[in-house]
C-alpha atoms as a PDB file:
ATOM      1  CA  MET A   1      84.051-116.667 235.505  1.00  0.00           C
ATOM      2  CA  ALA A   2      86.978-114.505 236.633  1.00  0.00           C
ATOM      3  CA  ARG A   3      88.973-112.624 234.034  1.00  0.00           C
ATOM      4  CA  HIS A   4      92.741-112.711 234.196  1.00  0.00           C
ATOM      5  CA  TYR A   5      94.407-109.409 233.425  1.00  0.00           C
ATOM      6  CA  PRO A   6      98.096-108.849 232.742  1.00  0.00           C
ATOM      7  CA  LYS A   7     100.218-107.863 235.726  1.00  0.00           C
ATOM      8  CA  TRP A   8     100.638-104.285 234.509  1.00  0.00           C
ATOM      9  CA  ALA A   9      96.847-103.790 234.275  1.00  0.00           C
ATOM     10  CA  THR A  10      96.151-102.546 237.774  1.00  0.00           C
ATOM     11  CA  PRO A  11      92.859-100.699 238.336  1.00  0.00           C
ATOM     12  CA  ASP A  12      94.630 -97.328 238.619  1.00  0.00           C
ATOM     13  CA  ARG A  13      96.457 -97.850 235.331  1.00  0.00           C
ATOM     14  CA  GLN A  14      93.310 -99.015 233.546  1.00  0.00           C
ATOM     15  CA  THR A  15      91.483 -95.921 234.815  1.00  0.00           C
ATOM     16  CA  TYR A  16      94.308 -93.705 233.595  1.00  0.00           C
ATOM     17  CA  LEU A  17      94.141 -95.263 230.099  1.00  0.00           C
ATOM     18  CA  VAL A  18      90.374 -94.734 229.934  1.00  0.00           C
ATOM     19  CA  LYS A  19      90.705 -91.073 231.036  1.00  0.00           C
ATOM     20  CA  LEU A  20      93.479 -90.570 228.477  1.00  0.00           C
ATOM     21  CA  PHE A  21      91.297 -92.043 225.726  1.00  0.00           C
ATOM     22  CA  LEU A  22      88.299 -89.887 226.672  1.00  0.00           C
ATOM     23  CA  LYS A  23      90.446 -86.757 226.817  1.00  0.00           C
ATOM     24  CA  SER A  24      92.125 -87.416 223.444  1.00  0.00           C
ATOM     25  CA  ARG A  25      89.081 -89.051 221.785  1.00  0.00           C
ATOM     26  CA  GLY A  26      91.482 -91.624 220.361  1.00  0.00           C
ATOM     27  CA  PHE A  27      93.641 -89.055 218.543  1.00  0.00           C
ATOM     28  CA  CYS A  28      96.454 -86.791 219.843  1.00  0.00           C
ATOM     29  CA  VAL A  29      96.957 -87.216 223.590  1.00  0.00           C
ATOM     30  CA  PHE A  30      98.409 -83.694 223.856  1.00  0.00           C
ATOM     31  CA  GLY A  31      95.309 -82.044 222.329  1.00  0.00           C
ATOM     32  CA  HIS A  32      96.801 -80.946 219.002  1.00  0.00           C
ATOM     33  CA  LYS A  33      94.357 -80.729 216.129  1.00  0.00           C
ATOM     34  CA  ASN A  34      95.406 -82.616 212.992  1.00  0.00           C
ATOM     35  CA  CYS A  35      98.582 -83.871 214.735  1.00  0.00           C
ATOM     36  CA  LEU A  36     100.967 -85.605 212.317  1.00  0.00           C
ATOM     37  CA  ILE A  37     103.397 -86.903 214.944  1.00  0.00           C
ATOM     38  CA  PRO A  38     102.763 -90.669 215.318  1.00  0.00           C
ATOM     39  CA  ASP A  39     104.089 -90.795 218.886  1.00  0.00           C
ATOM     40  CA  HIS A  40     101.323 -88.416 219.994  1.00  0.00           C
ATOM     41  CA  HIS A  41      98.497 -90.687 218.811  1.00  0.00           C
ATOM     42  CA  TYR A  42      96.659 -92.594 221.515  1.00  0.00           C
ATOM     43  CA  GLU A  43      97.478 -96.119 220.296  1.00  0.00           C
ATOM     44  CA  VAL A  44     101.236 -95.566 220.005  1.00  0.00           C
ATOM     45  CA  TYR A  45     101.403 -93.468 223.174  1.00  0.00           C
ATOM     46  CA  SER A  46      99.442 -96.048 225.201  1.00  0.00           C
ATOM     47  CA  GLU A  47     101.709 -98.900 223.981  1.00  0.00           C
ATOM     48  CA  CYS A  48     104.811 -96.960 225.048  1.00  0.00           C
ATOM     49  CA  LEU A  49     103.160 -96.203 228.374  1.00  0.00           C
ATOM     50  CA  ILE A  50     102.360 -99.890 228.928  1.00  0.00           C
ATOM     51  CA  ASP A  51     105.969-100.852 228.075  1.00  0.00           C
ATOM     52  CA  ASP A  52     107.177 -98.365 230.688  1.00  0.00           C
ATOM     53  CA  TRP A  53     104.787 -99.841 233.276  1.00  0.00           C
ATOM     54  CA  LYS A  54     106.068-103.351 232.500  1.00  0.00           C
ATOM     55  CA  ALA A  55     109.683-102.170 232.946  1.00  0.00           C
ATOM     56  CA  ASP A  56     108.733-100.531 236.269  1.00  0.00           C
ATOM     57  CA  ASP A  57     107.072-103.766 237.422  1.00  0.00           C
ATOM     58  CA  ARG A  58     110.173-105.781 236.506  1.00  0.00           C
ATOM     59  CA  ALA A  59     112.421-103.379 238.403  1.00  0.00           C
ATOM     60  CA  GLU A  60     110.147-103.488 241.434  1.00  0.00           C
ATOM     61  CA  THR A  61     110.019-107.297 241.374  1.00  0.00           C
ATOM     62  CA  LEU A  62     113.812-107.470 241.139  1.00  0.00           C
ATOM     63  CA  ALA A  63     114.217-105.012 244.027  1.00  0.00           C
ATOM     64  CA  ASP A  64     111.762-107.033 246.146  1.00  0.00           C
ATOM     65  CA  TRP A  65     113.600-110.261 245.339  1.00  0.00           C
ATOM     66  CA  LEU A  66     116.993-108.754 246.236  1.00  0.00           C
ATOM     67  CA  ASP A  67     115.590-107.400 249.493  1.00  0.00           C
ATOM     68  CA  GLU A  68     114.048-110.765 250.357  1.00  0.00           C
ATOM     69  CA  ARG A  69     117.301-112.573 249.543  1.00  0.00           C
ATOM     70  CA  GLN A  70     119.241-110.163 251.731  1.00  0.00           C
ATOM     71  CA  GLN A  71     116.777-110.657 254.612  1.00  0.00           C
ATOM     72  CA  LEU A  72     116.965-114.443 254.300  1.00  0.00           C
ATOM     73  CA  HIS A  73     120.755-114.543 254.420  1.00  0.00           C
ATOM     74  CA  ARG A  74     121.221-111.905 257.066  1.00  0.00           C
ATOM     75  CA  THR A  75     121.737-113.224 260.568  1.00  0.00           C
ATOM     76  CA  ALA A  76     122.280-111.596 263.897  1.00  0.00           C
ATOM     77  CA  ASP A  77     125.732-113.170 264.116  1.00  0.00           C
ATOM     78  CA  ARG A  78     128.732-110.907 264.284  1.00  0.00           C
ATOM     79  CA  HIS A  79     130.730-110.871 261.046  1.00  0.00           C
ATOM     80  CA  TYR A  80     134.497-111.108 261.111  1.00  0.00           C
ATOM     81  CA  PRO A  81     136.892-110.500 258.255  1.00  0.00           C
ATOM     82  CA  PRO A  82     137.484-113.592 256.082  1.00  0.00           C
ATOM     83  CA  THR A  83     140.966-114.071 257.521  1.00  0.00           C
ATOM     84  CA  GLY A  84     139.580-114.368 261.040  1.00  0.00           C
ATOM     85  CA  GLN A  85     140.256-112.457 264.218  1.00  0.00           C
ATOM     86  CA  PHE A  86     142.906-113.238 266.802  1.00  0.00           C
ATOM     87  CA  SER A  87     143.104-112.217 270.387  1.00  0.00           C
ATOM     88  CA  GLY A  88     146.567-111.463 271.731  1.00  0.00           C
ATOM     89  CA  VAL A  89     146.934-114.841 273.408  1.00  0.00           C
ATOM     90  CA  SER A  90     145.578-116.942 270.524  1.00  0.00           C
ATOM     91  CA  ARG A  91     147.866-115.096 268.078  1.00  0.00           C
ATOM     92  CA  ASP A  92     150.911-115.991 270.184  1.00  0.00           C
ATOM     93  CA  ILE A  93     149.804-119.630 270.452  1.00  0.00           C
ATOM     94  CA  PHE A  94     149.223-119.836 266.708  1.00  0.00           C
ATOM     95  CA  PHE A  95     152.602-118.393 265.734  1.00  0.00           C
ATOM     96  CA  ASP A  96     154.443-120.491 268.337  1.00  0.00           C
ATOM     97  CA  HIS A  97     153.170-123.663 266.664  1.00  0.00           C
ATOM     98  CA  GLN A  98     154.184-122.661 263.126  1.00  0.00           C
ATOM     99  CA  PRO A  99     157.188-124.458 261.617  1.00  0.00           C
ATOM    100  CA  VAL A 100     160.412-122.523 261.126  1.00  0.00           C
ATOM    101  CA  TYR A 101     161.005-124.064 257.689  1.00  0.00           C
ATOM    102  CA  TYR A 102     159.396-126.241 255.031  1.00  0.00           C
ATOM    103  CA  VAL A 103     161.316-128.916 253.146  1.00  0.00           C
ATOM    104  CA  VAL A 104     160.675-128.335 249.441  1.00  0.00           C
ATOM    105  CA  CYS A 105     162.676-131.211 247.953  1.00  0.00           C
ATOM    106  CA  TYR A 106     165.571-133.604 248.348  1.00  0.00           C
ATOM    107  CA  GLY A 107     167.928-134.240 245.480  1.00  0.00           C
ATOM    108  CA  ILE A 108     171.364-134.649 243.949  1.00  0.00           C
ATOM    109  CA  SER A 109     173.158-131.593 242.650  1.00  0.00           C
ATOM    110  CA  GLY A 110     173.740-131.706 238.906  1.00  0.00           C
ATOM    111  CA  LEU A 111     177.017-129.799 239.286  1.00  0.00           C
ATOM    112  CA  THR A 112     178.708-131.519 242.201  1.00  0.00           C
ATOM    113  CA  PHE A 113     176.802-134.851 242.243  1.00  0.00           C
ATOM    114  CA  LYS A 114     176.332-134.452 245.997  1.00  0.00           C
ATOM    115  CA  PRO A 115     173.031-134.728 247.925  1.00  0.00           C
ATOM    116  CA  PHE A 116     171.273-131.534 249.033  1.00  0.00           C
ATOM    117  CA  VAL A 117     167.968-130.357 250.509  1.00  0.00           C
ATOM    118  CA  LYS A 118     165.996-127.334 249.334  1.00  0.00           C
ATOM    119  CA  VAL A 119     164.315-125.639 252.325  1.00  0.00           C
ATOM    120  CA  ARG A 120     161.999-122.598 252.360  1.00  0.00           C
ATOM    121  CA  VAL A 121     162.207-120.448 255.487  1.00  0.00           C
ATOM    122  CA  SER A 122     158.766-119.595 256.898  1.00  0.00           C
ATOM    123  CA  SER A 123     157.368-116.085 256.437  1.00  0.00           C
ATOM    124  CA  SER A 124     159.958-115.234 253.776  1.00  0.00           C
ATOM    125  CA  TYR A 125     160.887-115.927 250.200  1.00  0.00           C
ATOM    126  CA  VAL A 126     164.281-117.345 251.161  1.00  0.00           C
ATOM    127  CA  ASN A 127     165.189-120.799 249.862  1.00  0.00           C
ATOM    128  CA  LEU A 128     168.177-122.510 251.430  1.00  0.00           C
ATOM    129  CA  TYR A 129     170.156-125.233 249.685  1.00  0.00           C
ATOM    130  CA  ILE A 130     171.729-127.390 252.376  1.00  0.00           C
ATOM    131  CA  ASP A 131     174.617-129.661 251.360  1.00  0.00           C
ATOM    132  CA  LEU A 132     174.296-133.142 252.867  1.00  0.00           C
ATOM    133  CA  ALA A 133     177.519-134.696 251.530  1.00  0.00           C
ATOM    134  CA  ASP A 134     179.453-134.518 254.825  1.00  0.00           C
ATOM    135  CA  SER A 135     176.658-136.038 256.879  1.00  0.00           C
ATOM    136  CA  PHE A 136     176.482-139.188 254.719  1.00  0.00           C
ATOM    137  CA  LYS A 137     180.203-140.060 254.718  1.00  0.00           C
ATOM    138  CA  GLY A 138     179.934-142.929 257.197  1.00  0.00           C
ATOM    139  CA  LEU A 139     176.803-144.501 255.657  1.00  0.00           C
ATOM    140  CA  SER A 140     176.556-147.299 253.139  1.00  0.00           C
ATOM    141  CA  LYS A 141     175.416-146.600 249.606  1.00  0.00           C
ATOM    142  CA  SER A 142     171.965-148.105 250.266  1.00  0.00           C
ATOM    143  CA  LYS A 143     171.416-146.083 253.446  1.00  0.00           C
ATOM    144  CA  ARG A 144     172.542-142.883 251.709  1.00  0.00           C
ATOM    145  CA  ARG A 145     170.057-143.453 248.886  1.00  0.00           C
ATOM    146  CA  LYS A 146     167.212-144.156 251.319  1.00  0.00           C
ATOM    147  CA  ALA A 147     168.090-141.079 253.368  1.00  0.00           C
ATOM    148  CA  ILE A 148     168.014-138.911 250.258  1.00  0.00           C
ATOM    149  CA  ARG A 149     164.884-140.540 248.847  1.00  0.00           C
ATOM    150  CA  TYR A 150     162.834-140.539 252.054  1.00  0.00           C
ATOM    151  CA  GLY A 151     164.532-137.774 254.030  1.00  0.00           C
ATOM    152  CA  ARG A 152     165.354-140.029 256.981  1.00  0.00           C
ATOM    153  CA  GLY A 153     167.899-138.943 259.545  1.00  0.00           C
ATOM    154  CA  ILE A 154     168.593-135.510 258.111  1.00  0.00           C
ATOM    155  CA  GLU A 155     166.090-133.464 260.150  1.00  0.00           C
ATOM    156  CA  GLN A 156     168.741-132.519 262.731  1.00  0.00           C
ATOM    157  CA  LEU A 157     171.120-131.334 260.022  1.00  0.00           C
ATOM    158  CA  ILE A 158     168.366-129.209 258.456  1.00  0.00           C
ATOM    159  CA  LYS A 159     167.452-127.667 261.826  1.00  0.00           C
ATOM    160  CA  LEU A 160     171.079-126.766 262.509  1.00  0.00           C
ATOM    161  CA  ALA A 161     171.527-125.191 259.069  1.00  0.00           C
ATOM    162  CA  VAL A 162     168.317-123.138 259.371  1.00  0.00           C
ATOM    163  CA  ARG A 163     169.201-121.963 262.888  1.00  0.00           C
ATOM    164  CA  HIS A 164     172.674-121.007 261.668  1.00  0.00           C
ATOM    165  CA  TYR A 165     171.155-119.013 258.777  1.00  0.00           C
ATOM    166  CA  LEU A 166     168.606-117.260 261.034  1.00  0.00           C
ATOM    167  CA  ALA A 167     171.328-116.406 263.583  1.00  0.00           C
ATOM    168  CA  GLN A 168     173.417-114.753 260.840  1.00  0.00           C
ATOM    169  CA  SER A 169     170.567-112.652 259.453  1.00  0.00           C
END
């Protein structure tokens, strides 16, 4: 029947403990006669030594596991930065297809009671408030409300206002 030893009990370590016991005869491992220091006695010293071996085994196991994990997740693929990499042509294509502005909201001004649109200009922190009162003068009340609520028919006015702002700055 095979005996199962703890993981720390390798043959080299067992041999070292036996040699240490024979050298110290079970008393002081440093050879002092009538040693009164408890840490020098074989039993206490061997327990501390075993604890150190266990800690070394844990550190080695962790290092092996980290190395194995790194090997498993490493590929031969080229790694790019998380934001991606553009060539000169693809960068131009990407920026040509970006919108000039984003409509944030439609609403009625609380001061003038006139409709307006809040627009954020791309690649900046600028918010434009575009007054829509003049563009709705010829519309009925129902059509004005629907235009404000759903933003219908005001895209041209927004484009003109944004172009005018960008031309001035």
